[in-house]
Full PDB file with SEQRES, HELIX, SHEET, SSBOND, CRYST1, ORIGX, SCALE, CONECT and MASTER records, all heavy atoms in Angstrom:
SEQRES   1 A   34  MET ALA GLU GLU ASP VAL ILE LEU LYS ASP GLY TRP GLU          
SEQRES   2 A   34  GLN VAL LEU ARG ASN PRO GLU LEU GLN GLU LYS GLU SER          
SEQRES   3 A   34  ILE SER ASN LEU ILE ASP PHE LEU                              
HELIX    1 AA1 TRP A   12  VAL A   15  1                                   4    
HELIX    2 AA2 PRO A   19  LEU A   21  5                                   3    
HELIX    3 AA3 LYS A   24  PHE A   33  1                                  10    
CRYST1    1.000    1.000    1.000  90.00  90.00  90.00 P 1           1          
ORIGX1      1.000000  0.000000  0.000000        0.00000                         
ORIGX2      0.000000  1.000000  0.000000        0.00000                         
ORIGX3      0.000000  0.000000  1.000000        0.00000                         
SCALE1      1.000000  0.000000  0.000000        0.00000                         
SCALE2      0.000000  1.000000  0.000000        0.00000                         
SCALE3      0.000000  0.000000  1.000000        0.00000                         
ATOM      1  N   MET A   1      56.308-134.945  63.539  1.00  0.00           N  
ATOM      2  CA  MET A   1      56.953-133.899  62.776  1.00  0.00           C  
ATOM      3  C   MET A   1      58.394-133.757  63.294  1.00  0.00           C  
ATOM      4  O   MET A   1      58.611-133.205  64.370  1.00  0.00           O  
ATOM      5  CB  MET A   1      56.241-132.563  62.920  1.00  0.00           C  
ATOM      6  CG  MET A   1      54.828-132.618  62.321  1.00  0.00           C  
ATOM      7  SD  MET A   1      53.990-131.006  62.558  1.00  0.00           S  
ATOM      8  CE  MET A   1      53.684-131.046  64.332  1.00  0.00           C  
ATOM      9  N   ALA A   2      59.318-134.268  62.548  1.00  0.00           N  
ATOM     10  CA  ALA A   2      60.730-134.240  62.977  1.00  0.00           C  
ATOM     11  C   ALA A   2      61.234-132.791  63.087  1.00  0.00           C  
ATOM     12  O   ALA A   2      61.987-132.488  63.993  1.00  0.00           O  
ATOM     13  CB  ALA A   2      61.593-135.003  61.964  1.00  0.00           C  
ATOM     14  N   GLU A   3      60.751-131.971  62.217  1.00  0.00           N  
ATOM     15  CA  GLU A   3      61.222-130.563  62.233  1.00  0.00           C  
ATOM     16  C   GLU A   3      60.811-129.863  63.513  1.00  0.00           C  
ATOM     17  O   GLU A   3      61.543-129.030  64.033  1.00  0.00           O  
ATOM     18  CB  GLU A   3      60.631-129.841  61.023  1.00  0.00           C  
ATOM     19  CG  GLU A   3      61.173-128.443  60.805  1.00  0.00           C  
ATOM     20  CD  GLU A   3      60.623-127.828  59.527  1.00  0.00           C  
ATOM     21  OE1 GLU A   3      59.643-128.274  59.041  1.00  0.00           O  
ATOM     22  OE2 GLU A   3      61.227-126.863  59.040  1.00  0.00           O  
ATOM     23  N   GLU A   4      59.656-130.200  64.002  1.00  0.00           N  
ATOM     24  CA  GLU A   4      59.120-129.584  65.214  1.00  0.00           C  
ATOM     25  C   GLU A   4      59.357-130.430  66.470  1.00  0.00           C  
ATOM     26  O   GLU A   4      59.150-129.972  67.595  1.00  0.00           O  
ATOM     27  CB  GLU A   4      57.611-129.320  65.065  1.00  0.00           C  
ATOM     28  CG  GLU A   4      57.241-128.554  63.831  1.00  0.00           C  
ATOM     29  CD  GLU A   4      57.488-127.079  63.987  1.00  0.00           C  
ATOM     30  OE1 GLU A   4      57.530-126.621  65.125  1.00  0.00           O  
ATOM     31  OE2 GLU A   4      57.663-126.409  62.940  1.00  0.00           O  
ATOM     32  N   ASP A   5      59.733-131.695  66.237  1.00  0.00           N  
ATOM     33  CA  ASP A   5      59.867-132.693  67.322  1.00  0.00           C  
ATOM     34  C   ASP A   5      58.562-132.763  68.114  1.00  0.00           C  
ATOM     35  O   ASP A   5      58.557-132.693  69.355  1.00  0.00           O  
ATOM     36  CB  ASP A   5      61.042-132.344  68.263  1.00  0.00           C  
ATOM     37  CG  ASP A   5      61.354-133.535  69.185  1.00  0.00           C  
ATOM     38  OD1 ASP A   5      61.044-134.641  68.825  1.00  0.00           O  
ATOM     39  OD2 ASP A   5      61.920-133.282  70.292  1.00  0.00           O  
ATOM     40  N   VAL A   6      57.465-132.912  67.377  1.00  0.00           N  
ATOM     41  CA  VAL A   6      56.118-132.946  67.961  1.00  0.00           C  
ATOM     42  C   VAL A   6      55.361-134.134  67.444  1.00  0.00           C  
ATOM     43  O   VAL A   6      55.496-134.539  66.293  1.00  0.00           O  
ATOM     44  CB  VAL A   6      55.326-131.645  67.635  1.00  0.00           C  
ATOM     45  CG1 VAL A   6      53.855-131.816  68.046  1.00  0.00           C  
ATOM     46  CG2 VAL A   6      55.917-130.445  68.340  1.00  0.00           C  
ATOM     47  N   ILE A   7      54.610-134.810  68.334  1.00  0.00           N  
ATOM     48  CA  ILE A   7      53.733-135.914  67.956  1.00  0.00           C  
ATOM     49  C   ILE A   7      52.263-135.522  68.146  1.00  0.00           C  
ATOM     50  O   ILE A   7      51.891-135.060  69.233  1.00  0.00           O  
ATOM     51  CB  ILE A   7      54.030-137.174  68.787  1.00  0.00           C  
ATOM     52  CG1 ILE A   7      55.469-137.682  68.527  1.00  0.00           C  
ATOM     53  CG2 ILE A   7      53.040-138.312  68.417  1.00  0.00           C  
ATOM     54  CD1 ILE A   7      55.879-138.863  69.383  1.00  0.00           C  
ATOM     55  N   LEU A   8      51.519-135.681  67.095  1.00  0.00           N  
ATOM     56  CA  LEU A   8      50.083-135.393  67.161  1.00  0.00           C  
ATOM     57  C   LEU A   8      49.289-136.695  67.153  1.00  0.00           C  
ATOM     58  O   LEU A   8      49.699-137.659  66.495  1.00  0.00           O  
ATOM     59  CB  LEU A   8      49.626-134.542  65.971  1.00  0.00           C  
ATOM     60  CG  LEU A   8      50.351-133.185  65.746  1.00  0.00           C  
ATOM     61  CD1 LEU A   8      49.903-132.541  64.464  1.00  0.00           C  
ATOM     62  CD2 LEU A   8      50.081-132.269  66.951  1.00  0.00           C  
ATOM     63  N   LYS A   9      48.172-136.754  67.847  1.00  0.00           N  
ATOM     64  CA  LYS A   9      47.337-137.945  67.863  1.00  0.00           C  
ATOM     65  C   LYS A   9      45.883-137.523  67.672  1.00  0.00           C  
ATOM     66  O   LYS A   9      45.437-136.535  68.211  1.00  0.00           O  
ATOM     67  CB  LYS A   9      47.462-138.696  69.175  1.00  0.00           C  
ATOM     68  CG  LYS A   9      48.820-139.397  69.383  1.00  0.00           C  
ATOM     69  CD  LYS A   9      48.742-140.350  70.579  1.00  0.00           C  
ATOM     70  CE  LYS A   9      48.676-139.623  71.876  1.00  0.00           C  
ATOM     71  NZ  LYS A   9      49.911-138.968  72.294  1.00  0.00           N  
ATOM     72  N   ASP A  10      45.151-138.322  66.891  1.00  0.00           N  
ATOM     73  CA  ASP A  10      43.733-138.076  66.685  1.00  0.00           C  
ATOM     74  C   ASP A  10      43.075-139.412  66.380  1.00  0.00           C  
ATOM     75  O   ASP A  10      43.675-140.330  65.833  1.00  0.00           O  
ATOM     76  CB  ASP A  10      43.492-137.093  65.514  1.00  0.00           C  
ATOM     77  CG  ASP A  10      42.219-136.296  65.711  1.00  0.00           C  
ATOM     78  OD1 ASP A  10      41.178-136.951  66.029  1.00  0.00           O  
ATOM     79  OD2 ASP A  10      42.222-135.100  65.480  1.00  0.00           O  
ATOM     80  N   GLY A  11      41.823-139.528  66.717  1.00  0.00           N  
ATOM     81  CA  GLY A  11      41.039-140.730  66.356  1.00  0.00           C  
ATOM     82  C   GLY A  11      40.661-141.590  67.567  1.00  0.00           C  
ATOM     83  O   GLY A  11      40.244-142.715  67.369  1.00  0.00           O  
ATOM     84  N   TRP A  12      40.829-141.082  68.777  1.00  0.00           N  
ATOM     85  CA  TRP A  12      40.466-141.878  69.964  1.00  0.00           C  
ATOM     86  C   TRP A  12      38.981-142.365  69.881  1.00  0.00           C  
ATOM     87  O   TRP A  12      38.667-143.511  70.172  1.00  0.00           O  
ATOM     88  CB  TRP A  12      40.687-141.107  71.243  1.00  0.00           C  
ATOM     89  CG  TRP A  12      42.129-141.051  71.670  1.00  0.00           C  
ATOM     90  CD1 TRP A  12      42.968-139.969  71.560  1.00  0.00           C  
ATOM     91  CD2 TRP A  12      42.909-142.096  72.236  1.00  0.00           C  
ATOM     92  NE1 TRP A  12      44.222-140.280  72.032  1.00  0.00           N  
ATOM     93  CE2 TRP A  12      44.219-141.581  72.472  1.00  0.00           C  
ATOM     94  CE3 TRP A  12      42.632-143.412  72.551  1.00  0.00           C  
ATOM     95  CZ2 TRP A  12      45.248-142.322  73.005  1.00  0.00           C  
ATOM     96  CZ3 TRP A  12      43.659-144.177  73.086  1.00  0.00           C  
ATOM     97  CH2 TRP A  12      44.923-143.658  73.339  1.00  0.00           C  
ATOM     98  N   GLU A  13      38.127-141.413  69.537  1.00  0.00           N  
ATOM     99  CA  GLU A  13      36.739-141.737  69.507  1.00  0.00           C  
ATOM    100  C   GLU A  13      36.427-142.831  68.475  1.00  0.00           C  
ATOM    101  O   GLU A  13      35.671-143.792  68.762  1.00  0.00           O  
ATOM    102  CB  GLU A  13      35.893-140.486  69.126  1.00  0.00           C  
ATOM    103  CG  GLU A  13      34.402-140.702  69.145  1.00  0.00           C  
ATOM    104  CD  GLU A  13      33.622-139.454  68.819  1.00  0.00           C  
ATOM    105  OE1 GLU A  13      34.256-138.336  68.824  1.00  0.00           O  
ATOM    106  OE2 GLU A  13      32.422-139.549  68.616  1.00  0.00           O  
ATOM    107  N   GLN A  14      37.075-142.737  67.335  1.00  0.00           N  
ATOM    108  CA  GLN A  14      36.864-143.758  66.279  1.00  0.00           C  
ATOM    109  C   GLN A  14      37.354-145.141  66.725  1.00  0.00           C  
ATOM    110  O   GLN A  14      36.663-146.156  66.605  1.00  0.00           O  
ATOM    111  CB  GLN A  14      37.588-143.303  65.000  1.00  0.00           C  
ATOM    112  CG  GLN A  14      36.963-142.126  64.321  1.00  0.00           C  
ATOM    113  CD  GLN A  14      37.556-140.817  64.827  1.00  0.00           C  
ATOM    114  OE1 GLN A  14      37.953-140.697  65.946  1.00  0.00           O  
ATOM    115  NE2 GLN A  14      37.593-139.825  63.970  1.00  0.00           N  
ATOM    116  N   VAL A  15      38.585-145.195  67.232  1.00  0.00           N  
ATOM    117  CA  VAL A  15      39.157-146.493  67.522  1.00  0.00           C  
ATOM    118  C   VAL A  15      38.501-147.187  68.711  1.00  0.00           C  
ATOM    119  O   VAL A  15      38.386-148.404  68.751  1.00  0.00           O  
ATOM    120  CB  VAL A  15      40.723-146.413  67.713  1.00  0.00           C  
ATOM    121  CG1 VAL A  15      41.002-145.820  69.106  1.00  0.00           C  
ATOM    122  CG2 VAL A  15      41.397-147.721  67.500  1.00  0.00           C  
ATOM    123  N   LEU A  16      38.039-146.399  69.678  1.00  0.00           N  
ATOM    124  CA  LEU A  16      37.394-146.982  70.869  1.00  0.00           C  
ATOM    125  C   LEU A  16      36.029-147.517  70.599  1.00  0.00           C  
ATOM    126  O   LEU A  16      35.438-148.221  71.474  1.00  0.00           O  
ATOM    127  CB  LEU A  16      37.370-145.932  71.995  1.00  0.00           C  
ATOM    128  CG  LEU A  16      38.725-145.569  72.594  1.00  0.00           C  
ATOM    129  CD1 LEU A  16      38.553-144.465  73.630  1.00  0.00           C  
ATOM    130  CD2 LEU A  16      39.397-146.780  73.190  1.00  0.00           C  
ATOM    131  N   ARG A  17      35.486-147.285  69.419  1.00  0.00           N  
ATOM    132  CA  ARG A  17      34.214-147.881  69.046  1.00  0.00           C  
ATOM    133  C   ARG A  17      34.319-149.387  68.716  1.00  0.00           C  
ATOM    134  O   ARG A  17      33.318-150.091  68.704  1.00  0.00           O  
ATOM    135  CB  ARG A  17      33.612-147.169  67.837  1.00  0.00           C  
ATOM    136  CG  ARG A  17      33.140-145.781  68.142  1.00  0.00           C  
ATOM    137  CD  ARG A  17      32.708-145.066  66.846  1.00  0.00           C  
ATOM    138  NE  ARG A  17      32.305-143.693  67.035  1.00  0.00           N  
ATOM    139  CZ  ARG A  17      32.283-142.755  66.152  1.00  0.00           C  
ATOM    140  NH1 ARG A  17      32.607-143.109  64.884  1.00  0.00           N  
ATOM    141  NH2 ARG A  17      31.884-141.515  66.373  1.00  0.00           N  
ATOM    142  N   ASN A  18      35.524-149.839  68.466  1.00  0.00           N  
ATOM    143  CA  ASN A  18      35.690-151.219  68.110  1.00  0.00           C  
ATOM    144  C   ASN A  18      35.419-152.124  69.273  1.00  0.00           C  
ATOM    145  O   ASN A  18      35.826-151.871  70.403  1.00  0.00           O  
ATOM    146  CB  ASN A  18      37.180-151.469  67.604  1.00  0.00           C  
ATOM    147  CG  ASN A  18      37.441-150.861  66.265  1.00  0.00           C  
ATOM    148  OD1 ASN A  18      37.032-151.414  65.249  1.00  0.00           O  
ATOM    149  ND2 ASN A  18      38.120-149.703  66.250  1.00  0.00           N  
ATOM    150  N   PRO A  19      34.734-153.273  69.024  1.00  0.00           N  
ATOM    151  CA  PRO A  19      34.407-154.196  70.137  1.00  0.00           C  
ATOM    152  C   PRO A  19      35.639-154.763  70.805  1.00  0.00           C  
ATOM    153  O   PRO A  19      35.596-155.114  71.966  1.00  0.00           O  
ATOM    154  CB  PRO A  19      33.627-155.283  69.425  1.00  0.00           C  
ATOM    155  CG  PRO A  19      33.935-155.185  67.966  1.00  0.00           C  
ATOM    156  CD  PRO A  19      34.180-153.720  67.733  1.00  0.00           C  
ATOM    157  N   GLU A  20      36.798-154.804  70.105  1.00  0.00           N  
ATOM    158  CA  GLU A  20      38.025-155.333  70.713  1.00  0.00           C  
ATOM    159  C   GLU A  20      38.508-154.394  71.816  1.00  0.00           C  
ATOM    160  O   GLU A  20      39.324-154.824  72.678  1.00  0.00           O  
ATOM    161  CB  GLU A  20      39.147-155.463  69.677  1.00  0.00           C  
ATOM    162  CG  GLU A  20      38.844-156.492  68.571  1.00  0.00           C  
ATOM    163  CD  GLU A  20      38.164-155.893  67.377  1.00  0.00           C  
ATOM    164  OE1 GLU A  20      37.491-154.819  67.502  1.00  0.00           O  
ATOM    165  OE2 GLU A  20      38.301-156.461  66.323  1.00  0.00           O  
ATOM    166  N   LEU A  21      38.057-153.170  71.851  1.00  0.00           N  
ATOM    167  CA  LEU A  21      38.572-152.190  72.806  1.00  0.00           C  
ATOM    168  C   LEU A  21      37.513-151.802  73.859  1.00  0.00           C  
ATOM    169  O   LEU A  21      37.526-150.712  74.389  1.00  0.00           O  
ATOM    170  CB  LEU A  21      39.073-150.937  72.076  1.00  0.00           C  
ATOM    171  CG  LEU A  21      40.412-151.166  71.363  1.00  0.00           C  
ATOM    172  CD1 LEU A  21      40.653-150.129  70.302  1.00  0.00           C  
ATOM    173  CD2 LEU A  21      41.548-151.145  72.369  1.00  0.00           C  
ATOM    174  N   GLN A  22      36.614-152.740  74.155  1.00  0.00           N  
ATOM    175  CA  GLN A  22      35.627-152.505  75.190  1.00  0.00           C  
ATOM    176  C   GLN A  22      36.108-152.939  76.579  1.00  0.00           C  
ATOM    177  O   GLN A  22      35.476-152.638  77.593  1.00  0.00           O  
ATOM    178  CB  GLN A  22      34.335-153.213  74.838  1.00  0.00           C  
ATOM    179  CG  GLN A  22      33.728-152.764  73.512  1.00  0.00           C  
ATOM    180  CD  GLN A  22      33.558-151.262  73.408  1.00  0.00           C  
ATOM    181  OE1 GLN A  22      32.902-150.658  74.262  1.00  0.00           O  
ATOM    182  NE2 GLN A  22      34.157-150.653  72.419  1.00  0.00           N  
ATOM    183  N   GLU A  23      37.209-153.678  76.628  1.00  0.00           N  
ATOM    184  CA  GLU A  23      37.784-154.113  77.929  1.00  0.00           C  
ATOM    185  C   GLU A  23      38.895-153.195  78.356  1.00  0.00           C  
ATOM    186  O   GLU A  23      39.691-152.699  77.536  1.00  0.00           O  
ATOM    187  CB  GLU A  23      38.291-155.560  77.797  1.00  0.00           C  
ATOM    188  CG  GLU A  23      37.248-156.558  77.361  1.00  0.00           C  
ATOM    189  CD  GLU A  23      36.186-156.757  78.390  1.00  0.00           C  
ATOM    190  OE1 GLU A  23      36.486-156.534  79.606  1.00  0.00           O  
ATOM    191  OE2 GLU A  23      35.048-157.091  78.035  1.00  0.00           O  
ATOM    192  N   LYS A  24      38.994-152.956  79.672  1.00  0.00           N  
ATOM    193  CA  LYS A  24      40.001-152.070  80.199  1.00  0.00           C  
ATOM    194  C   LYS A  24      41.419-152.557  79.861  1.00  0.00           C  
ATOM    195  O   LYS A  24      42.310-151.718  79.592  1.00  0.00           O  
ATOM    196  CB  LYS A  24      39.869-151.955  81.735  1.00  0.00           C  
ATOM    197  CG  LYS A  24      38.645-151.118  82.166  1.00  0.00           C  
ATOM    198  CD  LYS A  24      38.604-150.990  83.670  1.00  0.00           C  
ATOM    199  CE  LYS A  24      37.424-150.162  84.128  1.00  0.00           C  
ATOM    200  NZ  LYS A  24      37.352-150.005  85.570  1.00  0.00           N  
ATOM    201  N   GLU A  25      41.613-153.858  79.852  1.00  0.00           N  
ATOM    202  CA  GLU A  25      42.976-154.385  79.588  1.00  0.00           C  
ATOM    203  C   GLU A  25      43.404-154.061  78.131  1.00  0.00           C  
ATOM    204  O   GLU A  25      44.564-153.699  77.898  1.00  0.00           O  
ATOM    205  CB  GLU A  25      42.980-155.900  79.792  1.00  0.00           C  
ATOM    206  CG  GLU A  25      44.356-156.494  79.530  1.00  0.00           C  
ATOM    207  CD  GLU A  25      44.409-157.960  79.786  1.00  0.00           C  
ATOM    208  OE1 GLU A  25      43.340-158.558  80.172  1.00  0.00           O  
ATOM    209  OE2 GLU A  25      45.457-158.601  79.568  1.00  0.00           O  
ATOM    210  N   SER A  26      42.436-154.135  77.226  1.00  0.00           N  
ATOM    211  CA  SER A  26      42.776-153.823  75.801  1.00  0.00           C  
ATOM    212  C   SER A  26      43.096-152.361  75.627  1.00  0.00           C  
ATOM    213  O   SER A  26      44.073-152.018  74.920  1.00  0.00           O  
ATOM    214  CB  SER A  26      41.578-154.176  74.897  1.00  0.00           C  
ATOM    215  OG  SER A  26      41.282-155.558  74.966  1.00  0.00           O  
ATOM    216  N   ILE A  27      42.348-151.493  76.318  1.00  0.00           N  
ATOM    217  CA  ILE A  27      42.647-150.046  76.276  1.00  0.00           C  
ATOM    218  C   ILE A  27      44.024-149.765  76.862  1.00  0.00           C  
ATOM    219  O   ILE A  27      44.823-148.982  76.297  1.00  0.00           O  
ATOM    220  CB  ILE A  27      41.582-149.258  76.989  1.00  0.00           C  
ATOM    221  CG1 ILE A  27      40.207-149.414  76.280  1.00  0.00           C  
ATOM    222  CG2 ILE A  27      41.939-147.772  76.998  1.00  0.00           C  
ATOM    223  CD1 ILE A  27      39.070-148.818  77.028  1.00  0.00           C  
ATOM    224  N   SER A  28      44.311-150.439  77.960  1.00  0.00           N  
ATOM    225  CA  SER A  28      45.603-150.268  78.631  1.00  0.00           C  
ATOM    226  C   SER A  28      46.755-150.729  77.734  1.00  0.00           C  
ATOM    227  O   SER A  28      47.816-150.055  77.637  1.00  0.00           O  
ATOM    228  CB  SER A  28      45.630-151.041  79.955  1.00  0.00           C  
ATOM    229  OG  SER A  28      46.923-150.970  80.550  1.00  0.00           O  
ATOM    230  N   ASN A  29      46.568-151.828  77.038  1.00  0.00           N  
ATOM    231  CA  ASN A  29      47.585-152.322  76.080  1.00  0.00           C  
ATOM    232  C   ASN A  29      47.759-151.358  74.972  1.00  0.00           C  
ATOM    233  O   ASN A  29      48.922-151.133  74.505  1.00  0.00           O  
ATOM    234  CB  ASN A  29      47.178-153.707  75.571  1.00  0.00           C  
ATOM    235  CG  ASN A  29      47.315-154.787  76.602  1.00  0.00           C  
ATOM    236  OD1 ASN A  29      48.029-154.627  77.593  1.00  0.00           O  
ATOM    237  ND2 ASN A  29      46.651-155.896  76.365  1.00  0.00           N  
ATOM    238  N   LEU A  30      46.706-150.779  74.442  1.00  0.00           N  
ATOM    239  CA  LEU A  30      46.821-149.789  73.381  1.00  0.00           C  
ATOM    240  C   LEU A  30      47.587-148.582  73.827  1.00  0.00           C  
ATOM    241  O   LEU A  30      48.476-148.089  73.142  1.00  0.00           O  
ATOM    242  CB  LEU A  30      45.443-149.362  72.907  1.00  0.00           C  
ATOM    243  CG  LEU A  30      45.385-148.297  71.837  1.00  0.00           C  
ATOM    244  CD1 LEU A  30      46.160-148.743  70.576  1.00  0.00           C  
ATOM    245  CD2 LEU A  30      43.959-147.917  71.472  1.00  0.00           C  
ATOM    246  N   ILE A  31      47.270-148.082  75.014  1.00  0.00           N  
ATOM    247  CA  ILE A  31      48.006-146.940  75.558  1.00  0.00           C  
ATOM    248  C   ILE A  31      49.490-147.246  75.735  1.00  0.00           C  
ATOM    249  O   ILE A  31      50.387-146.409  75.383  1.00  0.00           O  
ATOM    250  CB  ILE A  31      47.373-146.486  76.870  1.00  0.00           C  
ATOM    251  CG1 ILE A  31      45.955-145.921  76.615  1.00  0.00           C  
ATOM    252  CG2 ILE A  31      48.285-145.420  77.569  1.00  0.00           C  
ATOM    253  CD1 ILE A  31      45.224-145.586  77.875  1.00  0.00           C  
ATOM    254  N   ASP A  32      49.797-148.431  76.253  1.00  0.00           N  
ATOM    255  CA  ASP A  32      51.213-148.807  76.419  1.00  0.00           C  
ATOM    256  C   ASP A  32      51.913-148.919  75.074  1.00  0.00           C  
ATOM    257  O   ASP A  32      53.088-148.544  74.963  1.00  0.00           O  
ATOM    258  CB  ASP A  32      51.275-150.173  77.151  1.00  0.00           C  
ATOM    259  CG  ASP A  32      50.951-150.086  78.622  1.00  0.00           C  
ATOM    260  OD1 ASP A  32      50.923-148.931  79.150  1.00  0.00           O  
ATOM    261  OD2 ASP A  32      50.680-151.093  79.225  1.00  0.00           O  
ATOM    262  N   PHE A  33      51.215-149.431  74.074  1.00  0.00           N  
ATOM    263  CA  PHE A  33      51.779-149.515  72.720  1.00  0.00           C  
ATOM    264  C   PHE A  33      52.055-148.139  72.151  1.00  0.00           C  
ATOM    265  O   PHE A  33      53.147-147.889  71.602  1.00  0.00           O  
ATOM    266  CB  PHE A  33      50.768-150.295  71.844  1.00  0.00           C  
ATOM    267  CG  PHE A  33      51.230-150.482  70.404  1.00  0.00           C  
ATOM    268  CD1 PHE A  33      52.571-150.672  70.085  1.00  0.00           C  
ATOM    269  CD2 PHE A  33      50.355-150.444  69.347  1.00  0.00           C  
ATOM    270  CE1 PHE A  33      53.015-150.851  68.783  1.00  0.00           C  
ATOM    271  CE2 PHE A  33      50.750-150.628  68.062  1.00  0.00           C  
ATOM    272  CZ  PHE A  33      52.087-150.849  67.754  1.00  0.00           C  
ATOM    273  N   LEU A  34      51.140-147.226  72.359  1.00  0.00           N  
ATOM    274  CA  LEU A  34      51.360-145.862  71.874  1.00  0.00           C  
ATOM    275  C   LEU A  34      52.524-145.200  72.549  1.00  0.00           C  
ATOM    276  O   LEU A  34      53.314-144.455  71.959  1.00  0.00           O  
ATOM    277  CB  LEU A  34      50.071-145.031  72.033  1.00  0.00           C  
ATOM    278  CG  LEU A  34      48.850-145.493  71.222  1.00  0.00           C  
ATOM    279  CD1 LEU A  34      47.657-144.621  71.593  1.00  0.00           C  
ATOM    280  CD2 LEU A  34      49.143-145.442  69.759  1.00  0.00           C  
TER     281      LEU A  34                                                      
MASTER        0    0    0    3    0    0    0    6  280    1    0    3          
END                                                                             
């Protein structure tokens, strides 16, 4: 939200169910990307 200069995030539970994100390195890469 540019007006508030705030970033909201939701969906961690959903995205972490993917088999691609079962390894620590993949989760770390996702966090770095975010």
